[in-house]
């Protein structure tokens, strides 16, 4: 299963709106073949690994991070291919909550006499697929709020200069998170102040769809973009129906506060630089009124930490029990829209 999980990470940026799934097949002579989901319209992970193994799949054990599909979409049912290949045992990381599968794949394999084991390395798989699982549960994208600050919680100097709060390593991590997101969002104020491109430049991967809360100047670098005026929950509903599994919110402080205050953030990713402004006139992470008392403080837990150059990345989840990302998971974001 670990081979399958590693294979899934390798296609993290290319499969959406389909889940990034990995598969590994252990043949009777001890050979391991691996496969991963191809871009939409391409082969699923199971088909890829079965094709690679050929006749060696007879009598083999197959590990899949997500329950195999049992319906015909752009491709045929993976359960049929597994059965016809002669696989005798299937390890599944987690069940697929998609209503077109939802246990049907497991049943199809069991009805064919194949031994099925569900739950192998399930915590790692669930963390890996959390944006997909969240989308299937809620119909909305998984929202990541990316923040970056000095040790005293400031994002920019009093004159507005924020280039750069964090290191090149942290900014590269931000671009990886962008590549993993299908959409990225900032406020119109950030567009006017920084004129960011919000594309992917520092890593290999696709640039996300760009969304502005409000109206962007006609000559802004962010074009083409979607301009949104209206309730944010309605935007999330719309993005969910359009196949956005992960939305990255990158700024600024007003937008961060709006998402936070409405409890619309699923994961906070904060990059902390070993630097201190030493006053209260630099720009903060959030604006407006915060928790009025200690009893009103919103608490959560650190689910991942990582050092990036001289900076530290802290992943936090509030009010939810969601598994932390496994060590070695691909990167994620920085403080200023770039």
C-alpha atoms as a PDB file:
ATOM      1  CA  UNK A   1       0.000   0.000   0.000  1.00  0.00           C
ATOM      2  CA  UNK A   2       2.883   2.360   0.633  1.00  0.00           C
ATOM      3  CA  UNK A   3       3.930   1.931  -3.008  1.00  0.00           C
ATOM      4  CA  UNK A   4       0.377   2.859  -4.004  1.00  0.00           C
ATOM      5  CA  UNK A   5       0.367   5.950  -1.773  1.00  0.00           C
ATOM      6  CA  UNK A   6       3.678   7.104  -3.221  1.00  0.00           C
ATOM      7  CA  UNK A   7       2.358   6.603  -6.744  1.00  0.00           C
ATOM      8  CA  UNK A   8      -0.712   8.694  -5.919  1.00  0.00           C
ATOM      9  CA  UNK A   9       1.455  11.610  -4.741  1.00  0.00           C
ATOM     10  CA  UNK A  10       3.190  11.603  -8.125  1.00  0.00           C
ATOM     11  CA  UNK A  11      -0.069  12.574  -9.888  1.00  0.00           C
ATOM     12  CA  UNK A  12      -1.419  14.945  -7.229  1.00  0.00           C
ATOM     13  CA  UNK A  13      -1.596  17.919  -9.608  1.00  0.00           C
ATOM     14  CA  UNK A  14      -2.972  16.231 -12.738  1.00  0.00           C
ATOM     15  CA  UNK A  15      -6.118  14.216 -11.983  1.00  0.00           C
ATOM     16  CA  UNK A  16      -8.755  16.677 -10.711  1.00  0.00           C
ATOM     17  CA  UNK A  17     -11.699  16.646 -10.652  1.00  0.00           C
ATOM     18  CA  UNK A  18     -10.982  12.917 -10.294  1.00  0.00           C
ATOM     19  CA  UNK A  19      -9.182  11.742  -7.145  1.00  0.00           C
ATOM     20  CA  UNK A  20      -5.426  11.095  -7.208  1.00  0.00           C
ATOM     21  CA  UNK A  21      -5.329   7.337  -6.697  1.00  0.00           C
ATOM     22  CA  UNK A  22      -2.380   4.965  -6.601  1.00  0.00           C
ATOM     23  CA  UNK A  23      -2.216   1.206  -7.092  1.00  0.00           C
ATOM     24  CA  UNK A  24       0.486  -1.419  -6.578  1.00  0.00           C
ATOM     25  CA  UNK A  25       0.347  -5.044  -7.653  1.00  0.00           C
ATOM     26  CA  UNK A  26       2.422  -7.800  -6.041  1.00  0.00           C
ATOM     27  CA  UNK A  27       2.799 -10.790  -8.361  1.00  0.00           C
ATOM     28  CA  UNK A  28       3.315 -14.376  -7.269  1.00  0.00           C
ATOM     29  CA  UNK A  29       7.043 -14.133  -8.020  1.00  0.00           C
ATOM     30  CA  UNK A  30       7.459 -11.051  -5.797  1.00  0.00           C
ATOM     31  CA  UNK A  31       7.535  -8.395  -8.534  1.00  0.00           C
ATOM     32  CA  UNK A  32       5.821  -5.093  -7.733  1.00  0.00           C
ATOM     33  CA  UNK A  33       4.128  -3.020 -10.442  1.00  0.00           C
ATOM     34  CA  UNK A  34       2.762   0.462  -9.689  1.00  0.00           C
ATOM     35  CA  UNK A  35       0.280   2.746 -11.382  1.00  0.00           C
ATOM     36  CA  UNK A  36      -1.586   5.996 -10.762  1.00  0.00           C
ATOM     37  CA  UNK A  37      -4.648   7.774 -12.101  1.00  0.00           C
ATOM     38  CA  UNK A  38      -4.080   9.536 -15.402  1.00  0.00           C
ATOM     39  CA  UNK A  39      -5.553  12.958 -16.309  1.00  0.00           C
ATOM     40  CA  UNK A  40      -9.353  13.046 -16.856  1.00  0.00           C
ATOM     41  CA  UNK A  41     -10.359  10.662 -19.618  1.00  0.00           C
ATOM     42  CA  UNK A  42      -7.261   8.530 -19.106  1.00  0.00           C
ATOM     43  CA  UNK A  43      -6.824   5.205 -17.365  1.00  0.00           C
ATOM     44  CA  UNK A  44      -7.486   4.809 -13.663  1.00  0.00           C
ATOM     45  CA  UNK A  45      -4.693   3.588 -11.414  1.00  0.00           C
ATOM     46  CA  UNK A  46      -5.944  -0.018 -11.412  1.00  0.00           C
ATOM     47  CA  UNK A  47      -6.024  -0.219 -15.205  1.00  0.00           C
ATOM     48  CA  UNK A  48      -2.526   1.176 -15.490  1.00  0.00           C
ATOM     49  CA  UNK A  49      -0.998  -1.311 -13.088  1.00  0.00           C
ATOM     50  CA  UNK A  50      -2.897  -4.271 -14.553  1.00  0.00           C
ATOM     51  CA  UNK A  51      -1.752  -3.305 -18.039  1.00  0.00           C
ATOM     52  CA  UNK A  52       1.846  -3.099 -16.837  1.00  0.00           C
ATOM     53  CA  UNK A  53       1.629  -6.535 -15.203  1.00  0.00           C
ATOM     54  CA  UNK A  54      -0.161  -8.299 -18.057  1.00  0.00           C
ATOM     55  CA  UNK A  55      -0.595 -12.043 -17.457  1.00  0.00           C
ATOM     56  CA  UNK A  56       1.478 -11.767 -14.260  1.00  0.00           C
ATOM     57  CA  UNK A  57      -1.627 -10.315 -12.587  1.00  0.00           C
ATOM     58  CA  UNK A  58      -3.061 -13.844 -12.265  1.00  0.00           C
ATOM     59  CA  UNK A  59      -2.944 -14.834  -8.595  1.00  0.00           C
ATOM     60  CA  UNK A  60      -1.580 -11.432  -7.563  1.00  0.00           C
ATOM     61  CA  UNK A  61      -2.414  -9.102  -4.679  1.00  0.00           C
ATOM     62  CA  UNK A  62      -3.525  -5.587  -5.630  1.00  0.00           C
ATOM     63  CA  UNK A  63      -3.314  -2.583  -3.272  1.00  0.00           C
ATOM     64  CA  UNK A  64      -5.430   0.473  -4.139  1.00  0.00           C
ATOM     65  CA  UNK A  65      -5.644   3.671  -2.123  1.00  0.00           C
ATOM     66  CA  UNK A  66      -9.345   4.195  -2.953  1.00  0.00           C
ATOM     67  CA  UNK A  67     -12.142   1.704  -3.560  1.00  0.00           C
ATOM     68  CA  UNK A  68     -12.265   0.818  -7.294  1.00  0.00           C
ATOM     69  CA  UNK A  69     -15.109   2.141  -9.418  1.00  0.00           C
ATOM     70  CA  UNK A  70     -17.880  -0.216 -10.472  1.00  0.00           C
ATOM     71  CA  UNK A  71     -19.651   1.963 -13.032  1.00  0.00           C
ATOM     72  CA  UNK A  72     -18.990   3.136 -16.574  1.00  0.00           C
ATOM     73  CA  UNK A  73     -18.010   6.772 -16.975  1.00  0.00           C
ATOM     74  CA  UNK A  74     -15.307   8.033 -19.313  1.00  0.00           C
ATOM     75  CA  UNK A  75     -13.703   4.656 -18.707  1.00  0.00           C
ATOM     76  CA  UNK A  76     -15.058   1.210 -17.911  1.00  0.00           C
ATOM     77  CA  UNK A  77     -15.473  -0.270 -14.423  1.00  0.00           C
ATOM     78  CA  UNK A  78     -12.168  -1.013 -12.737  1.00  0.00           C
ATOM     79  CA  UNK A  79     -13.790  -3.863 -10.805  1.00  0.00           C
ATOM     80  CA  UNK A  80     -14.425  -5.725 -14.068  1.00  0.00           C
ATOM     81  CA  UNK A  81     -10.792  -5.336 -15.122  1.00  0.00           C
ATOM     82  CA  UNK A  82      -9.558  -6.574 -11.723  1.00  0.00           C
ATOM     83  CA  UNK A  83     -11.795  -9.637 -11.846  1.00  0.00           C
ATOM     84  CA  UNK A  84     -10.888 -10.505 -15.434  1.00  0.00           C
ATOM     85  CA  UNK A  85      -7.162 -10.100 -14.701  1.00  0.00           C
ATOM     86  CA  UNK A  86      -7.257 -12.949 -12.179  1.00  0.00           C
ATOM     87  CA  UNK A  87      -6.284 -10.965  -9.081  1.00  0.00           C
ATOM     88  CA  UNK A  88      -7.064 -13.008  -5.946  1.00  0.00           C
ATOM     89  CA  UNK A  89      -6.648 -10.431  -3.162  1.00  0.00           C
ATOM     90  CA  UNK A  90      -7.323  -6.690  -3.028  1.00  0.00           C
ATOM     91  CA  UNK A  91      -6.219  -4.281  -0.300  1.00  0.00           C
ATOM     92  CA  UNK A  92      -8.190  -1.027  -0.228  1.00  0.00           C
ATOM     93  CA  UNK A  93      -7.119   2.039   1.723  1.00  0.00           C
ATOM     94  CA  UNK A  94     -10.559   3.612   2.151  1.00  0.00           C
ATOM     95  CA  UNK A  95     -14.052   3.296   0.736  1.00  0.00           C
ATOM     96  CA  UNK A  96     -15.100   5.788  -1.917  1.00  0.00           C
ATOM     97  CA  UNK A  97     -17.927   8.049  -0.658  1.00  0.00           C
ATOM     98  CA  UNK A  98     -18.956   8.916  -4.219  1.00  0.00           C
ATOM     99  CA  UNK A  99     -22.576   7.833  -4.612  1.00  0.00           C
ATOM    100  CA  UNK A 100     -21.728   5.973  -7.830  1.00  0.00           C
ATOM    101  CA  UNK A 101     -19.373   3.689  -5.858  1.00  0.00           C
ATOM    102  CA  UNK A 102     -20.031   3.824  -2.082  1.00  0.00           C
ATOM    103  CA  UNK A 103     -19.242   0.201  -1.329  1.00  0.00           C
ATOM    104  CA  UNK A 104     -20.390  -1.160  -4.680  1.00  0.00           C
ATOM    105  CA  UNK A 105     -16.833  -1.769  -5.824  1.00  0.00           C
ATOM    106  CA  UNK A 106     -16.062  -3.821  -2.737  1.00  0.00           C
ATOM    107  CA  UNK A 107     -19.241  -5.852  -3.154  1.00  0.00           C
ATOM    108  CA  UNK A 108     -18.501  -6.563  -6.824  1.00  0.00           C
ATOM    109  CA  UNK A 109     -15.059  -7.927  -5.975  1.00  0.00           C
ATOM    110  CA  UNK A 110     -16.337 -10.044  -3.098  1.00  0.00           C
ATOM    111  CA  UNK A 111     -19.146 -11.448  -5.236  1.00  0.00           C
ATOM    112  CA  UNK A 112     -16.476 -12.590  -7.705  1.00  0.00           C
ATOM    113  CA  UNK A 113     -14.714 -14.538  -4.949  1.00  0.00           C
ATOM    114  CA  UNK A 114     -11.859 -12.094  -4.454  1.00  0.00           C
ATOM    115  CA  UNK A 115     -10.576 -11.554  -0.918  1.00  0.00           C
ATOM    116  CA  UNK A 116     -10.985  -7.873  -0.003  1.00  0.00           C
ATOM    117  CA  UNK A 117      -9.285  -6.128   2.924  1.00  0.00           C
ATOM    118  CA  UNK A 118     -10.437  -2.569   3.648  1.00  0.00           C
ATOM    119  CA  UNK A 119      -8.534  -0.077   5.803  1.00  0.00           C
ATOM    120  CA  UNK A 120      -4.871  -0.706   4.940  1.00  0.00           C
ATOM    121  CA  UNK A 121      -2.912   2.448   5.903  1.00  0.00           C
ATOM    122  CA  UNK A 122      -6.273   4.214   5.927  1.00  0.00           C
ATOM    123  CA  UNK A 123      -5.093   7.214   7.978  1.00  0.00           C
ATOM    124  CA  UNK A 124      -2.408   8.080   5.421  1.00  0.00           C
ATOM    125  CA  UNK A 125      -4.772   7.570   2.506  1.00  0.00           C
ATOM    126  CA  UNK A 126      -7.524   9.641   4.106  1.00  0.00           C
ATOM    127  CA  UNK A 127      -5.102  12.516   4.712  1.00  0.00           C
ATOM    128  CA  UNK A 128      -3.832  12.272   1.147  1.00  0.00           C
ATOM    129  CA  UNK A 129      -7.336  12.375  -0.332  1.00  0.00           C
ATOM    130  CA  UNK A 130      -8.885  14.831   2.151  1.00  0.00           C
ATOM    131  CA  UNK A 131      -9.777  17.510  -0.459  1.00  0.00           C
ATOM    132  CA  UNK A 132     -11.565  14.906  -2.589  1.00  0.00           C
ATOM    133  CA  UNK A 133     -13.340  13.390   0.418  1.00  0.00           C
ATOM    134  CA  UNK A 134     -14.395  16.835   1.660  1.00  0.00           C
ATOM    135  CA  UNK A 135     -15.783  17.689  -1.762  1.00  0.00           C
ATOM    136  CA  UNK A 136     -17.811  14.484  -1.847  1.00  0.00           C
ATOM    137  CA  UNK A 137     -19.112  15.077   1.692  1.00  0.00           C
ATOM    138  CA  UNK A 138     -20.054  18.729   1.309  1.00  0.00           C
ATOM    139  CA  UNK A 139     -20.247  19.521  -2.397  1.00  0.00           C
ATOM    140  CA  UNK A 140     -17.759  22.339  -1.787  1.00  0.00           C
ATOM    141  CA  UNK A 141     -14.009  22.663  -2.332  1.00  0.00           C
ATOM    142  CA  UNK A 142     -11.568  22.081   0.500  1.00  0.00           C
ATOM    143  CA  UNK A 143     -10.489  25.585   1.566  1.00  0.00           C
ATOM    144  CA  UNK A 144      -6.857  26.227   2.470  1.00  0.00           C
ATOM    145  CA  UNK A 145      -6.046  29.647   3.912  1.00  0.00           C
ATOM    146  CA  UNK A 146      -2.397  30.436   3.258  1.00  0.00           C
ATOM    147  CA  UNK A 147      -0.752  32.927   5.577  1.00  0.00           C
ATOM    148  CA  UNK A 148       2.829  34.058   6.138  1.00  0.00           C
ATOM    149  CA  UNK A 149       4.185  36.245   8.866  1.00  0.00           C
ATOM    150  CA  UNK A 150       7.069  37.277  11.047  1.00  0.00           C
ATOM    151  CA  UNK A 151       7.430  35.881  14.566  1.00  0.00           C
ATOM    152  CA  UNK A 152       5.310  38.751  15.870  1.00  0.00           C
ATOM    153  CA  UNK A 153       2.484  37.969  13.466  1.00  0.00           C
ATOM    154  CA  UNK A 154       3.000  40.695  10.856  1.00  0.00           C
ATOM    155  CA  UNK A 155       2.682  40.256   7.103  1.00  0.00           C
ATOM    156  CA  UNK A 156       4.005  43.525   5.687  1.00  0.00           C
ATOM    157  CA  UNK A 157       5.802  46.693   6.687  1.00  0.00           C
ATOM    158  CA  UNK A 158       3.823  49.851   7.543  1.00  0.00           C
ATOM    159  CA  UNK A 159       4.495  51.143   4.021  1.00  0.00           C
ATOM    160  CA  UNK A 160       2.870  47.993   2.583  1.00  0.00           C
ATOM    161  CA  UNK A 161       6.079  46.343   1.389  1.00  0.00           C
ATOM    162  CA  UNK A 162       5.877  42.565   1.867  1.00  0.00           C
ATOM    163  CA  UNK A 163       8.518  41.221  -0.525  1.00  0.00           C
ATOM    164  CA  UNK A 164       9.613  39.022   0.965  1.00  0.00           C
ATOM    165  CA  UNK A 165       8.510  38.032   4.427  1.00  0.00           C
ATOM    166  CA  UNK A 166       9.576  34.425   3.909  1.00  0.00           C
ATOM    167  CA  UNK A 167      12.320  32.576   2.073  1.00  0.00           C
ATOM    168  CA  UNK A 168      12.586  31.242  -1.455  1.00  0.00           C
ATOM    169  CA  UNK A 169      12.047  27.726  -0.105  1.00  0.00           C
ATOM    170  CA  UNK A 170       8.726  28.804   1.418  1.00  0.00           C
ATOM    171  CA  UNK A 171       7.671  30.568  -1.782  1.00  0.00           C
ATOM    172  CA  UNK A 172       8.449  27.416  -3.774  1.00  0.00           C
ATOM    173  CA  UNK A 173       6.235  25.514  -1.356  1.00  0.00           C
ATOM    174  CA  UNK A 174       3.465  28.030  -2.022  1.00  0.00           C
ATOM    175  CA  UNK A 175       3.688  27.362  -5.736  1.00  0.00           C
ATOM    176  CA  UNK A 176       3.415  23.632  -5.134  1.00  0.00           C
ATOM    177  CA  UNK A 177       0.202  24.239  -3.223  1.00  0.00           C
ATOM    178  CA  UNK A 178      -1.062  26.394  -6.066  1.00  0.00           C
ATOM    179  CA  UNK A 179      -0.373  23.575  -8.497  1.00  0.00           C
ATOM    180  CA  UNK A 180      -2.375  21.226  -6.265  1.00  0.00           C
ATOM    181  CA  UNK A 181      -5.341  23.622  -6.147  1.00  0.00           C
ATOM    182  CA  UNK A 182      -7.890  24.001  -8.902  1.00  0.00           C
ATOM    183  CA  UNK A 183      -8.641  27.596  -7.925  1.00  0.00           C
ATOM    184  CA  UNK A 184      -6.947  30.429  -6.022  1.00  0.00           C
ATOM    185  CA  UNK A 185      -8.670  33.455  -4.491  1.00  0.00           C
ATOM    186  CA  UNK A 186      -7.658  36.960  -3.402  1.00  0.00           C
ATOM    187  CA  UNK A 187      -9.472  40.193  -2.720  1.00  0.00           C
ATOM    188  CA  UNK A 188      -9.647  43.083  -5.145  1.00  0.00           C
ATOM    189  CA  UNK A 189      -7.599  45.181  -2.702  1.00  0.00           C
ATOM    190  CA  UNK A 190      -4.683  42.765  -2.987  1.00  0.00           C
ATOM    191  CA  UNK A 191      -4.952  42.902  -6.770  1.00  0.00           C
ATOM    192  CA  UNK A 192      -4.809  46.693  -6.755  1.00  0.00           C
ATOM    193  CA  UNK A 193      -1.959  46.840  -4.237  1.00  0.00           C
ATOM    194  CA  UNK A 194       0.284  43.994  -5.442  1.00  0.00           C
ATOM    195  CA  UNK A 195      -0.931  43.203  -8.982  1.00  0.00           C
ATOM    196  CA  UNK A 196      -0.122  39.486  -8.490  1.00  0.00           C
ATOM    197  CA  UNK A 197      -0.146  36.899 -11.271  1.00  0.00           C
ATOM    198  CA  UNK A 198      -1.128  34.008  -8.970  1.00  0.00           C
ATOM    199  CA  UNK A 199       0.202  31.441 -11.423  1.00  0.00           C
ATOM    200  CA  UNK A 200       2.616  28.538 -10.981  1.00  0.00           C
ATOM    201  CA  UNK A 201       6.207  29.389 -11.846  1.00  0.00           C
ATOM    202  CA  UNK A 202       8.555  27.858  -9.292  1.00  0.00           C
ATOM    203  CA  UNK A 203       7.475  24.218  -9.711  1.00  0.00           C
ATOM    204  CA  UNK A 204       6.162  22.068 -12.529  1.00  0.00           C
ATOM    205  CA  UNK A 205       2.393  21.960 -12.539  1.00  0.00           C
ATOM    206  CA  UNK A 206      -0.777  23.647 -13.778  1.00  0.00           C
ATOM    207  CA  UNK A 207      -1.766  27.146 -12.730  1.00  0.00           C
ATOM    208  CA  UNK A 208      -5.066  27.346 -10.843  1.00  0.00           C
ATOM    209  CA  UNK A 209      -8.156  29.195 -11.947  1.00  0.00           C
ATOM    210  CA  UNK A 210      -7.997  32.721 -10.500  1.00  0.00           C
ATOM    211  CA  UNK A 211     -10.837  34.282  -8.534  1.00  0.00           C
ATOM    212  CA  UNK A 212     -11.137  37.852  -7.253  1.00  0.00           C
ATOM    213  CA  UNK A 213     -13.594  38.985  -4.598  1.00  0.00           C
ATOM    214  CA  UNK A 214     -14.714  42.208  -6.207  1.00  0.00           C
ATOM    215  CA  UNK A 215     -13.589  43.763  -9.491  1.00  0.00           C
ATOM    216  CA  UNK A 216     -10.034  43.594 -10.820  1.00  0.00           C
ATOM    217  CA  UNK A 217      -8.577  46.485 -12.831  1.00  0.00           C
ATOM    218  CA  UNK A 218      -8.776  45.805 -16.556  1.00  0.00           C
ATOM    219  CA  UNK A 219      -4.983  45.709 -16.936  1.00  0.00           C
ATOM    220  CA  UNK A 220      -4.287  43.533 -13.874  1.00  0.00           C
ATOM    221  CA  UNK A 221      -1.961  40.554 -14.216  1.00  0.00           C
ATOM    222  CA  UNK A 222      -4.594  38.296 -12.687  1.00  0.00           C
ATOM    223  CA  UNK A 223      -6.700  38.270 -15.866  1.00  0.00           C
ATOM    224  CA  UNK A 224      -8.297  36.062 -17.044  1.00  0.00           C
ATOM    225  CA  UNK A 225     -10.103  35.609 -13.759  1.00  0.00           C
ATOM    226  CA  UNK A 226     -13.532  35.149 -12.250  1.00  0.00           C
ATOM    227  CA  UNK A 227     -14.790  38.253 -10.457  1.00  0.00           C
ATOM    228  CA  UNK A 228     -17.241  37.502  -7.678  1.00  0.00           C
ATOM    229  CA  UNK A 229     -19.585  39.829  -5.825  1.00  0.00           C
ATOM    230  CA  UNK A 230     -21.873  38.005  -3.449  1.00  0.00           C
ATOM    231  CA  UNK A 231     -21.921  35.647  -0.473  1.00  0.00           C
ATOM    232  CA  UNK A 232     -18.841  33.450  -0.200  1.00  0.00           C
ATOM    233  CA  UNK A 233     -20.852  30.294   0.622  1.00  0.00           C
ATOM    234  CA  UNK A 234     -22.626  30.676  -2.709  1.00  0.00           C
ATOM    235  CA  UNK A 235     -19.248  30.948  -4.424  1.00  0.00           C
ATOM    236  CA  UNK A 236     -18.079  27.749  -2.733  1.00  0.00           C
ATOM    237  CA  UNK A 237     -21.251  25.962  -3.836  1.00  0.00           C
ATOM    238  CA  UNK A 238     -20.681  27.096  -7.409  1.00  0.00           C
ATOM    239  CA  UNK A 239     -17.018  26.098  -7.445  1.00  0.00           C
ATOM    240  CA  UNK A 240     -17.949  22.687  -6.074  1.00  0.00           C
ATOM    241  CA  UNK A 241     -20.348  22.051  -8.931  1.00  0.00           C
ATOM    242  CA  UNK A 242     -17.630  23.133 -11.354  1.00  0.00           C
ATOM    243  CA  UNK A 243     -15.207  20.465 -10.161  1.00  0.00           C
ATOM    244  CA  UNK A 244     -12.971  22.539  -7.889  1.00  0.00           C
ATOM    245  CA  UNK A 245     -11.758  20.133  -5.195  1.00  0.00           C
ATOM    246  CA  UNK A 246      -9.318  22.505  -3.481  1.00  0.00           C
ATOM    247  CA  UNK A 247      -9.485  26.292  -3.181  1.00  0.00           C
ATOM    248  CA  UNK A 248      -6.434  28.194  -1.989  1.00  0.00           C
ATOM    249  CA  UNK A 249      -7.162  31.545  -0.341  1.00  0.00           C
ATOM    250  CA  UNK A 250      -4.063  33.691  -0.559  1.00  0.00           C
ATOM    251  CA  UNK A 251      -4.987  37.125   0.677  1.00  0.00           C
ATOM    252  CA  UNK A 252      -5.244  39.699   1.963  1.00  0.00           C
ATOM    253  CA  UNK A 253      -6.084  40.283   5.617  1.00  0.00           C
ATOM    254  CA  UNK A 254      -9.692  41.315   4.941  1.00  0.00           C
ATOM    255  CA  UNK A 255     -10.360  38.177   2.894  1.00  0.00           C
ATOM    256  CA  UNK A 256      -8.588  35.992   5.461  1.00  0.00           C
ATOM    257  CA  UNK A 257     -10.797  37.447   8.192  1.00  0.00           C
ATOM    258  CA  UNK A 258     -13.932  36.980   6.133  1.00  0.00           C
ATOM    259  CA  UNK A 259     -13.246  33.275   5.585  1.00  0.00           C
ATOM    260  CA  UNK A 260     -12.103  32.751   9.177  1.00  0.00           C
ATOM    261  CA  UNK A 261     -15.032  34.571  10.770  1.00  0.00           C
ATOM    262  CA  UNK A 262     -17.489  32.511   8.721  1.00  0.00           C
ATOM    263  CA  UNK A 263     -15.729  29.229   9.663  1.00  0.00           C
ATOM    264  CA  UNK A 264     -15.125  28.469   5.998  1.00  0.00           C
ATOM    265  CA  UNK A 265     -11.453  27.465   6.369  1.00  0.00           C
ATOM    266  CA  UNK A 266     -10.667  23.752   6.405  1.00  0.00           C
ATOM    267  CA  UNK A 267      -6.906  24.086   6.828  1.00  0.00           C
ATOM    268  CA  UNK A 268      -4.728  27.012   7.861  1.00  0.00           C
ATOM    269  CA  UNK A 269      -1.193  26.960   6.445  1.00  0.00           C
ATOM    270  CA  UNK A 270       1.063  29.498   8.127  1.00  0.00           C
ATOM    271  CA  UNK A 271       4.663  30.202   7.148  1.00  0.00           C
ATOM    272  CA  UNK A 272       6.598  31.781  10.002  1.00  0.00           C
ATOM    273  CA  UNK A 273       9.842  33.624   9.282  1.00  0.00           C
ATOM    274  CA  UNK A 274      12.536  34.206  11.945  1.00  0.00           C
ATOM    275  CA  UNK A 275      12.052  37.974  11.715  1.00  0.00           C
ATOM    276  CA  UNK A 276      10.467  40.554  14.000  1.00  0.00           C
ATOM    277  CA  UNK A 277       9.007  43.977  13.175  1.00  0.00           C
ATOM    278  CA  UNK A 278       8.886  44.861  16.863  1.00  0.00           C
ATOM    279  CA  UNK A 279       5.897  47.202  16.801  1.00  0.00           C
ATOM    280  CA  UNK A 280       2.166  47.365  16.205  1.00  0.00           C
ATOM    281  CA  UNK A 281       2.176  49.461  13.046  1.00  0.00           C
ATOM    282  CA  UNK A 282       3.040  46.664  10.576  1.00  0.00           C
ATOM    283  CA  UNK A 283       0.195  44.826   8.825  1.00  0.00           C
ATOM    284  CA  UNK A 284      -1.451  41.930  10.734  1.00  0.00           C
ATOM    285  CA  UNK A 285      -2.646  38.533   9.519  1.00  0.00           C
ATOM    286  CA  UNK A 286      -6.288  39.395  10.199  1.00  0.00           C
ATOM    287  CA  UNK A 287      -8.289  42.612  10.609  1.00  0.00           C
ATOM    288  CA  UNK A 288     -11.411  43.537  12.527  1.00  0.00           C
ATOM    289  CA  UNK A 289     -12.590  42.237  15.857  1.00  0.00           C
ATOM    290  CA  UNK A 290     -11.286  38.927  17.100  1.00  0.00           C
ATOM    291  CA  UNK A 291     -12.374  36.678  19.957  1.00  0.00           C
ATOM    292  CA  UNK A 292     -13.539  38.953  22.802  1.00  0.00           C
ATOM    293  CA  UNK A 293     -12.520  36.593  25.613  1.00  0.00           C
ATOM    294  CA  UNK A 294     -10.243  33.608  26.131  1.00  0.00           C
ATOM    295  CA  UNK A 295     -13.357  31.449  26.339  1.00  0.00           C
ATOM    296  CA  UNK A 296     -14.272  32.528  22.806  1.00  0.00           C
ATOM    297  CA  UNK A 297     -10.868  31.642  21.370  1.00  0.00           C
ATOM    298  CA  UNK A 298     -11.140  29.185  18.514  1.00  0.00           C
ATOM    299  CA  UNK A 299      -8.788  26.320  19.178  1.00  0.00           C
ATOM    300  CA  UNK A 300      -7.518  23.459  17.079  1.00  0.00           C
ATOM    301  CA  UNK A 301      -4.341  21.495  16.646  1.00  0.00           C
ATOM    302  CA  UNK A 302      -1.176  21.424  14.619  1.00  0.00           C
ATOM    303  CA  UNK A 303      -1.524  18.623  12.093  1.00  0.00           C
ATOM    304  CA  UNK A 304       1.835  19.061  10.353  1.00  0.00           C
ATOM    305  CA  UNK A 305       5.041  21.041  10.767  1.00  0.00           C
ATOM    306  CA  UNK A 306       7.950  21.361   8.386  1.00  0.00           C
ATOM    307  CA  UNK A 307      11.112  23.435   8.125  1.00  0.00           C
ATOM    308  CA  UNK A 308      11.642  25.239   4.813  1.00  0.00           C
ATOM    309  CA  UNK A 309      14.988  26.976   4.675  1.00  0.00           C
ATOM    310  CA  UNK A 310      15.005  29.265   7.709  1.00  0.00           C
ATOM    311  CA  UNK A 311      11.207  29.309   7.894  1.00  0.00           C
ATOM    312  CA  UNK A 312       8.690  26.944   9.467  1.00  0.00           C
ATOM    313  CA  UNK A 313       5.435  25.800   7.902  1.00  0.00           C
ATOM    314  CA  UNK A 314       2.615  25.132  10.376  1.00  0.00           C
ATOM    315  CA  UNK A 315      -0.572  23.363   9.294  1.00  0.00           C
ATOM    316  CA  UNK A 316      -3.521  23.888  11.625  1.00  0.00           C
ATOM    317  CA  UNK A 317      -7.091  22.633  11.702  1.00  0.00           C
ATOM    318  CA  UNK A 318      -9.769  24.099  13.944  1.00  0.00           C
ATOM    319  CA  UNK A 319     -12.891  22.456  15.352  1.00  0.00           C
ATOM    320  CA  UNK A 320     -12.451  19.279  13.332  1.00  0.00           C
ATOM    321  CA  UNK A 321     -10.920  15.876  13.755  1.00  0.00           C
ATOM    322  CA  UNK A 322      -9.090  15.467  10.484  1.00  0.00           C
ATOM    323  CA  UNK A 323      -5.964  13.288  10.155  1.00  0.00           C
ATOM    324  CA  UNK A 324      -2.644  15.033   9.661  1.00  0.00           C
ATOM    325  CA  UNK A 325      -0.750  14.752   6.402  1.00  0.00           C
ATOM    326  CA  UNK A 326       1.771  11.918   6.376  1.00  0.00           C
ATOM    327  CA  UNK A 327       5.429  12.811   6.540  1.00  0.00           C
ATOM    328  CA  UNK A 328       6.884  13.183   3.094  1.00  0.00           C
ATOM    329  CA  UNK A 329       3.672  14.548   1.608  1.00  0.00           C
ATOM    330  CA  UNK A 330       4.287  17.060  -1.149  1.00  0.00           C
ATOM    331  CA  UNK A 331       4.565  20.742  -0.288  1.00  0.00           C
ATOM    332  CA  UNK A 332       2.018  23.457   0.137  1.00  0.00           C
ATOM    333  CA  UNK A 333       2.180  27.885   0.501  1.00  0.00           C
ATOM    334  CA  UNK A 334       3.864  32.077   1.495  1.00  0.00           C
ATOM    335  CA  UNK A 335       2.665  35.383   2.814  1.00  0.00           C
ATOM    336  CA  UNK A 336       2.316  37.595  -0.147  1.00  0.00           C
ATOM    337  CA  UNK A 337       0.474  37.042  -3.386  1.00  0.00           C
ATOM    338  CA  UNK A 338       3.124  36.750  -6.092  1.00  0.00           C
END
